[in-house]
Amino acid sequence: MNEKRLLKSAVNRMICGVCGGIGEYFNVDPTVIRLIWVILSFFSVGAGIVIYIIAAVIMPDA
């Protein structure tokens, strides 16, 4: 079986590769994920930044 895993991207990195990894997992352009993340961070008064840091620590490298 070819199991799909959520990993930080080694290719589509801007900071830690979290958005790139999510984009690769869902087969979506990482730029779209980054825009959604910025909007989430803006409207949630910084909660998106905290979630990003947690994801960067938890997600394994590719």
PDB file of N, CA and C in Angstrom:
ATOM      1  N   MET A   1       0.823  -1.181   0.000  1.00  0.00           N
ATOM      2  CA  MET A   1       0.000   0.000   0.000  1.00  0.00           C
ATOM      3  C   MET A   1       0.870   1.248   0.000  1.00  0.00           C
ATOM      4  N   ASN A   2       0.425   2.232  -0.757  1.00  0.00           N
ATOM      5  CA  ASN A   2       1.122   3.510  -0.791  1.00  0.00           C
ATOM      6  C   ASN A   2       0.380   4.480   0.118  1.00  0.00           C
ATOM      7  N   GLU A   3       0.880   4.621   1.327  1.00  0.00           N
ATOM      8  CA  GLU A   3       0.245   5.450   2.336  1.00  0.00           C
ATOM      9  C   GLU A   3       0.699   6.902   2.200  1.00  0.00           C
ATOM     10  N   LYS A   4      -0.256   7.824   2.201  1.00  0.00           N
ATOM     11  CA  LYS A   4       0.048   9.250   2.094  1.00  0.00           C
ATOM     12  C   LYS A   4       0.329   9.796   3.489  1.00  0.00           C
ATOM     13  N   ARG A   5       1.452  10.528   3.637  1.00  0.00           N
ATOM     14  CA  ARG A   5       1.820  11.090   4.927  1.00  0.00           C
ATOM     15  C   ARG A   5       1.971  12.598   4.814  1.00  0.00           C
ATOM     16  N   LEU A   6       1.609  13.297   5.868  1.00  0.00           N
ATOM     17  CA  LEU A   6       1.743  14.740   5.929  1.00  0.00           C
ATOM     18  C   LEU A   6       3.138  15.063   6.451  1.00  0.00           C
ATOM     19  N   LEU A   7       3.983  15.579   5.558  1.00  0.00           N
ATOM     20  CA  LEU A   7       5.369  15.901   5.890  1.00  0.00           C
ATOM     21  C   LEU A   7       5.673  17.333   5.496  1.00  0.00           C
ATOM     22  N   LYS A   8       6.662  17.930   6.164  1.00  0.00           N
ATOM     23  CA  LYS A   8       7.131  19.243   5.732  1.00  0.00           C
ATOM     24  C   LYS A   8       7.822  19.078   4.390  1.00  0.00           C
ATOM     25  N   SER A   9       7.621  20.028   3.518  1.00  0.00           N
ATOM     26  CA  SER A   9       8.196  19.956   2.185  1.00  0.00           C
ATOM     27  C   SER A   9       9.678  20.302   2.216  1.00  0.00           C
ATOM     28  N   ALA A  10      10.451  19.563   1.426  1.00  0.00           N
ATOM     29  CA  ALA A  10      11.873  19.872   1.276  1.00  0.00           C
ATOM     30  C   ALA A  10      12.092  20.799   0.087  1.00  0.00           C
ATOM     31  N   VAL A  11      11.112  20.866  -0.822  1.00  0.00           N
ATOM     32  CA  VAL A  11      11.243  21.654  -2.047  1.00  0.00           C
ATOM     33  C   VAL A  11      10.514  22.985  -1.938  1.00  0.00           C
ATOM     34  N   ASN A  12       9.265  22.969  -1.487  1.00  0.00           N
ATOM     35  CA  ASN A  12       8.426  24.178  -1.407  1.00  0.00           C
ATOM     36  C   ASN A  12       8.528  24.816  -0.031  1.00  0.00           C
ATOM     37  N   ARG A  13       9.703  25.285   0.331  1.00  0.00           N
ATOM     38  CA  ARG A  13       9.933  25.882   1.642  1.00  0.00           C
ATOM     39  C   ARG A  13       9.998  27.398   1.530  1.00  0.00           C
ATOM     40  N   MET A  14       9.374  28.076   2.456  1.00  0.00           N
ATOM     41  CA  MET A  14       9.577  29.511   2.615  1.00  0.00           C
ATOM     42  C   MET A  14      10.197  29.739   3.993  1.00  0.00           C
ATOM     43  N   ILE A  15       9.587  29.175   5.024  1.00  0.00           N
ATOM     44  CA  ILE A  15      10.136  29.283   6.378  1.00  0.00           C
ATOM     45  C   ILE A  15      10.523  27.883   6.858  1.00  0.00           C
ATOM     46  N   CYS A  16       9.532  27.052   7.121  1.00  0.00           N
ATOM     47  CA  CYS A  16       9.808  25.695   7.622  1.00  0.00           C
ATOM     48  C   CYS A  16       9.308  24.594   6.697  1.00  0.00           C
ATOM     49  N   GLY A  17       8.531  24.934   5.684  1.00  0.00           N
ATOM     50  CA  GLY A  17       8.010  23.933   4.766  1.00  0.00           C
ATOM     51  C   GLY A  17       6.643  23.387   5.137  1.00  0.00           C
ATOM     52  N   VAL A  18       5.999  23.994   6.129  1.00  0.00           N
ATOM     53  CA  VAL A  18       4.693  23.510   6.583  1.00  0.00           C
ATOM     54  C   VAL A  18       3.630  23.709   5.501  1.00  0.00           C
ATOM     55  N   CYS A  19       3.510  24.915   4.975  1.00  0.00           N
ATOM     56  CA  CYS A  19       2.498  25.190   3.941  1.00  0.00           C
ATOM     57  C   CYS A  19       2.790  24.400   2.670  1.00  0.00           C
ATOM     58  N   GLY A  20       4.061  24.262   2.321  1.00  0.00           N
ATOM     59  CA  GLY A  20       4.437  23.454   1.163  1.00  0.00           C
ATOM     60  C   GLY A  20       4.052  22.003   1.345  1.00  0.00           C
ATOM     61  N   GLY A  21       4.251  21.481   2.547  1.00  0.00           N
ATOM     62  CA  GLY A  21       3.880  20.095   2.846  1.00  0.00           C
ATOM     63  C   GLY A  21       2.385  19.873   2.804  1.00  0.00           C
ATOM     64  N   ILE A  22       1.635  20.834   3.330  1.00  0.00           N
ATOM     65  CA  ILE A  22       0.172  20.732   3.282  1.00  0.00           C
ATOM     66  C   ILE A  22      -0.305  20.809   1.836  1.00  0.00           C
ATOM     67  N   GLY A  23       0.305  21.694   1.054  1.00  0.00           N
ATOM     68  CA  GLY A  23      -0.048  21.802  -0.359  1.00  0.00           C
ATOM     69  C   GLY A  23       0.243  20.527  -1.128  1.00  0.00           C
ATOM     70  N   GLU A  24       1.383  19.904  -0.856  1.00  0.00           N
ATOM     71  CA  GLU A  24       1.714  18.643  -1.523  1.00  0.00           C
ATOM     72  C   GLU A  24       0.766  17.527  -1.087  1.00  0.00           C
ATOM     73  N   TYR A  25       0.387  17.507   0.182  1.00  0.00           N
ATOM     74  CA  TYR A  25      -0.505  16.471   0.699  1.00  0.00           C
ATOM     75  C   TYR A  25      -1.880  16.534   0.034  1.00  0.00           C
ATOM     76  N   PHE A  26      -2.416  17.747  -0.090  1.00  0.00           N
ATOM     77  CA  PHE A  26      -3.742  17.923  -0.685  1.00  0.00           C
ATOM     78  C   PHE A  26      -3.692  18.203  -2.182  1.00  0.00           C
ATOM     79  N   ASN A  27      -2.496  18.175  -2.775  1.00  0.00           N
ATOM     80  CA  ASN A  27      -2.298  18.402  -4.201  1.00  0.00           C
ATOM     81  C   ASN A  27      -2.856  19.767  -4.624  1.00  0.00           C
ATOM     82  N   VAL A  28      -2.479  20.794  -3.834  1.00  0.00           N
ATOM     83  CA  VAL A  28      -2.895  22.170  -4.062  1.00  0.00           C
ATOM     84  C   VAL A  28      -1.627  23.017  -4.121  1.00  0.00           C
ATOM     85  N   ASP A  29      -1.681  24.113  -4.875  1.00  0.00           N
ATOM     86  CA  ASP A  29      -0.545  25.012  -4.950  1.00  0.00           C
ATOM     87  C   ASP A  29      -0.221  25.561  -3.556  1.00  0.00           C
ATOM     88  N   PRO A  30       1.025  25.453  -3.094  1.00  0.00           N
ATOM     89  CA  PRO A  30       1.383  25.952  -1.758  1.00  0.00           C
ATOM     90  C   PRO A  30       1.116  27.446  -1.568  1.00  0.00           C
ATOM     91  N   THR A  31       1.110  28.220  -2.635  1.00  0.00           N
ATOM     92  CA  THR A  31       0.813  29.645  -2.525  1.00  0.00           C
ATOM     93  C   THR A  31      -0.608  29.864  -2.022  1.00  0.00           C
ATOM     94  N   VAL A  32      -1.536  29.040  -2.448  1.00  0.00           N
ATOM     95  CA  VAL A  32      -2.924  29.132  -1.990  1.00  0.00           C
ATOM     96  C   VAL A  32      -2.982  28.835  -0.490  1.00  0.00           C
ATOM     97  N   ILE A  33      -2.253  27.821  -0.060  1.00  0.00           N
ATOM     98  CA  ILE A  33      -2.220  27.465   1.360  1.00  0.00           C
ATOM     99  C   ILE A  33      -1.621  28.619   2.164  1.00  0.00           C
ATOM    100  N   ARG A  34      -0.561  29.215   1.653  1.00  0.00           N
ATOM    101  CA  ARG A  34       0.069  30.351   2.353  1.00  0.00           C
ATOM    102  C   ARG A  34      -0.883  31.533   2.484  1.00  0.00           C
ATOM    103  N   LEU A  35      -1.639  31.826   1.424  1.00  0.00           N
ATOM    104  CA  LEU A  35      -2.609  32.924   1.479  1.00  0.00           C
ATOM    105  C   LEU A  35      -3.709  32.643   2.497  1.00  0.00           C
ATOM    106  N   ILE A  36      -4.201  31.429   2.501  1.00  0.00           N
ATOM    107  CA  ILE A  36      -5.225  31.044   3.482  1.00  0.00           C
ATOM    108  C   ILE A  36      -4.667  31.179   4.892  1.00  0.00           C
ATOM    109  N   TRP A  37      -3.408  30.773   5.081  1.00  0.00           N
ATOM    110  CA  TRP A  37      -2.776  30.845   6.400  1.00  0.00           C
ATOM    111  C   TRP A  37      -2.629  32.293   6.859  1.00  0.00           C
ATOM    112  N   VAL A  38      -2.246  33.189   5.955  1.00  0.00           N
ATOM    113  CA  VAL A  38      -2.109  34.605   6.306  1.00  0.00           C
ATOM    114  C   VAL A  38      -3.463  35.197   6.678  1.00  0.00           C
ATOM    115  N   ILE A  39      -4.489  34.859   5.917  1.00  0.00           N
ATOM    116  CA  ILE A  39      -5.836  35.351   6.219  1.00  0.00           C
ATOM    117  C   ILE A  39      -6.300  34.815   7.564  1.00  0.00           C
ATOM    118  N   LEU A  40      -6.055  33.527   7.828  1.00  0.00           N
ATOM    119  CA  LEU A  40      -6.406  32.934   9.120  1.00  0.00           C
ATOM    120  C   LEU A  40      -5.673  33.646  10.251  1.00  0.00           C
ATOM    121  N   SER A  41      -4.393  33.915  10.066  1.00  0.00           N
ATOM    122  CA  SER A  41      -3.604  34.594  11.101  1.00  0.00           C
ATOM    123  C   SER A  41      -4.109  36.006  11.356  1.00  0.00           C
ATOM    124  N   PHE A  42      -4.496  36.687  10.298  1.00  0.00           N
ATOM    125  CA  PHE A  42      -4.980  38.062  10.429  1.00  0.00           C
ATOM    126  C   PHE A  42      -6.309  38.124  11.175  1.00  0.00           C
ATOM    127  N   PHE A  43      -7.257  37.275  10.792  1.00  0.00           N
ATOM    128  CA  PHE A  43      -8.591  37.330  11.373  1.00  0.00           C
ATOM    129  C   PHE A  43      -8.698  36.635  12.726  1.00  0.00           C
ATOM    130  N   SER A  44      -7.724  35.807  13.066  1.00  0.00           N
ATOM    131  CA  SER A  44      -7.779  35.125  14.361  1.00  0.00           C
ATOM    132  C   SER A  44      -6.831  35.763  15.372  1.00  0.00           C
ATOM    133  N   VAL A  45      -6.373  36.971  15.073  1.00  0.00           N
ATOM    134  CA  VAL A  45      -5.501  37.753  15.952  1.00  0.00           C
ATOM    135  C   VAL A  45      -4.263  36.938  16.357  1.00  0.00           C
ATOM    136  N   GLY A  46      -3.625  36.308  15.380  1.00  0.00           N
ATOM    137  CA  GLY A  46      -2.352  35.628  15.617  1.00  0.00           C
ATOM    138  C   GLY A  46      -2.434  34.155  15.924  1.00  0.00           C
ATOM    139  N   ALA A  47      -3.616  33.579  16.020  1.00  0.00           N
ATOM    140  CA  ALA A  47      -3.722  32.154  16.317  1.00  0.00           C
ATOM    141  C   ALA A  47      -3.104  31.310  15.198  1.00  0.00           C
ATOM    142  N   GLY A  48      -3.173  31.803  13.975  1.00  0.00           N
ATOM    143  CA  GLY A  48      -2.575  31.080  12.850  1.00  0.00           C
ATOM    144  C   GLY A  48      -1.066  30.957  12.985  1.00  0.00           C
ATOM    145  N   ILE A  49      -0.441  31.967  13.575  1.00  0.00           N
ATOM    146  CA  ILE A  49       1.009  31.923  13.782  1.00  0.00           C
ATOM    147  C   ILE A  49       1.357  30.862  14.819  1.00  0.00           C
ATOM    148  N   VAL A  50       0.578  30.787  15.884  1.00  0.00           N
ATOM    149  CA  VAL A  50       0.799  29.780  16.913  1.00  0.00           C
ATOM    150  C   VAL A  50       0.598  28.382  16.335  1.00  0.00           C
ATOM    151  N   ILE A  51      -0.446  28.210  15.529  1.00  0.00           N
ATOM    152  CA  ILE A  51      -0.711  26.915  14.897  1.00  0.00           C
ATOM    153  C   ILE A  51       0.425  26.546  13.951  1.00  0.00           C
ATOM    154  N   TYR A  52       0.965  27.538  13.226  1.00  0.00           N
ATOM    155  CA  TYR A  52       2.086  27.284  12.314  1.00  0.00           C
ATOM    156  C   TYR A  52       3.307  26.795  13.088  1.00  0.00           C
ATOM    157  N   ILE A  53       3.609  27.433  14.205  1.00  0.00           N
ATOM    158  CA  ILE A  53       4.762  27.025  15.013  1.00  0.00           C
ATOM    159  C   ILE A  53       4.572  25.615  15.552  1.00  0.00           C
ATOM    160  N   ILE A  54       3.368  25.302  16.011  1.00  0.00           N
ATOM    161  CA  ILE A  54       3.088  23.947  16.499  1.00  0.00           C
ATOM    162  C   ILE A  54       3.240  22.938  15.367  1.00  0.00           C
ATOM    163  N   ALA A  55       2.714  23.262  14.179  1.00  0.00           N
ATOM    164  CA  ALA A  55       2.828  22.360  13.033  1.00  0.00           C
ATOM    165  C   ALA A  55       4.296  22.180  12.629  1.00  0.00           C
ATOM    166  N   ALA A  56       5.087  23.240  12.710  1.00  0.00           N
ATOM    167  CA  ALA A  56       6.510  23.154  12.353  1.00  0.00           C
ATOM    168  C   ALA A  56       7.245  22.233  13.297  1.00  0.00           C
ATOM    169  N   VAL A  57       6.846  22.199  14.551  1.00  0.00           N
ATOM    170  CA  VAL A  57       7.499  21.328  15.540  1.00  0.00           C
ATOM    171  C   VAL A  57       7.012  19.881  15.387  1.00  0.00           C
ATOM    172  N   ILE A  58       5.720  19.696  15.140  1.00  0.00           N
ATOM    173  CA  ILE A  58       5.140  18.354  15.117  1.00  0.00           C
ATOM    174  C   ILE A  58       5.382  17.607  13.804  1.00  0.00           C
ATOM    175  N   MET A  59       5.259  18.302  12.661  1.00  0.00           N
ATOM    176  CA  MET A  59       5.357  17.631  11.362  1.00  0.00           C
ATOM    177  C   MET A  59       6.794  17.147  11.109  1.00  0.00           C
ATOM    178  N   PRO A  60       6.941  15.894  10.686  1.00  0.00           N
ATOM    179  CA  PRO A  60       8.286  15.403  10.369  1.00  0.00           C
ATOM    180  C   PRO A  60       8.779  15.950   9.033  1.00  0.00           C
ATOM    181  N   ASP A  61      10.106  15.998   8.869  1.00  0.00           N
ATOM    182  CA  ASP A  61      10.703  16.441   7.605  1.00  0.00           C
ATOM    183  C   ASP A  61      10.509  15.381   6.532  1.00  0.00           C
ATOM    184  N   ALA A  62      10.479  15.841   5.282  1.00  0.00           N
ATOM    185  CA  ALA A  62      10.346  14.920   4.157  1.00  0.00           C
ATOM    186  C   ALA A  62      11.656  14.184   3.947  1.00  0.00           C
TER     187      ALA A  62
END
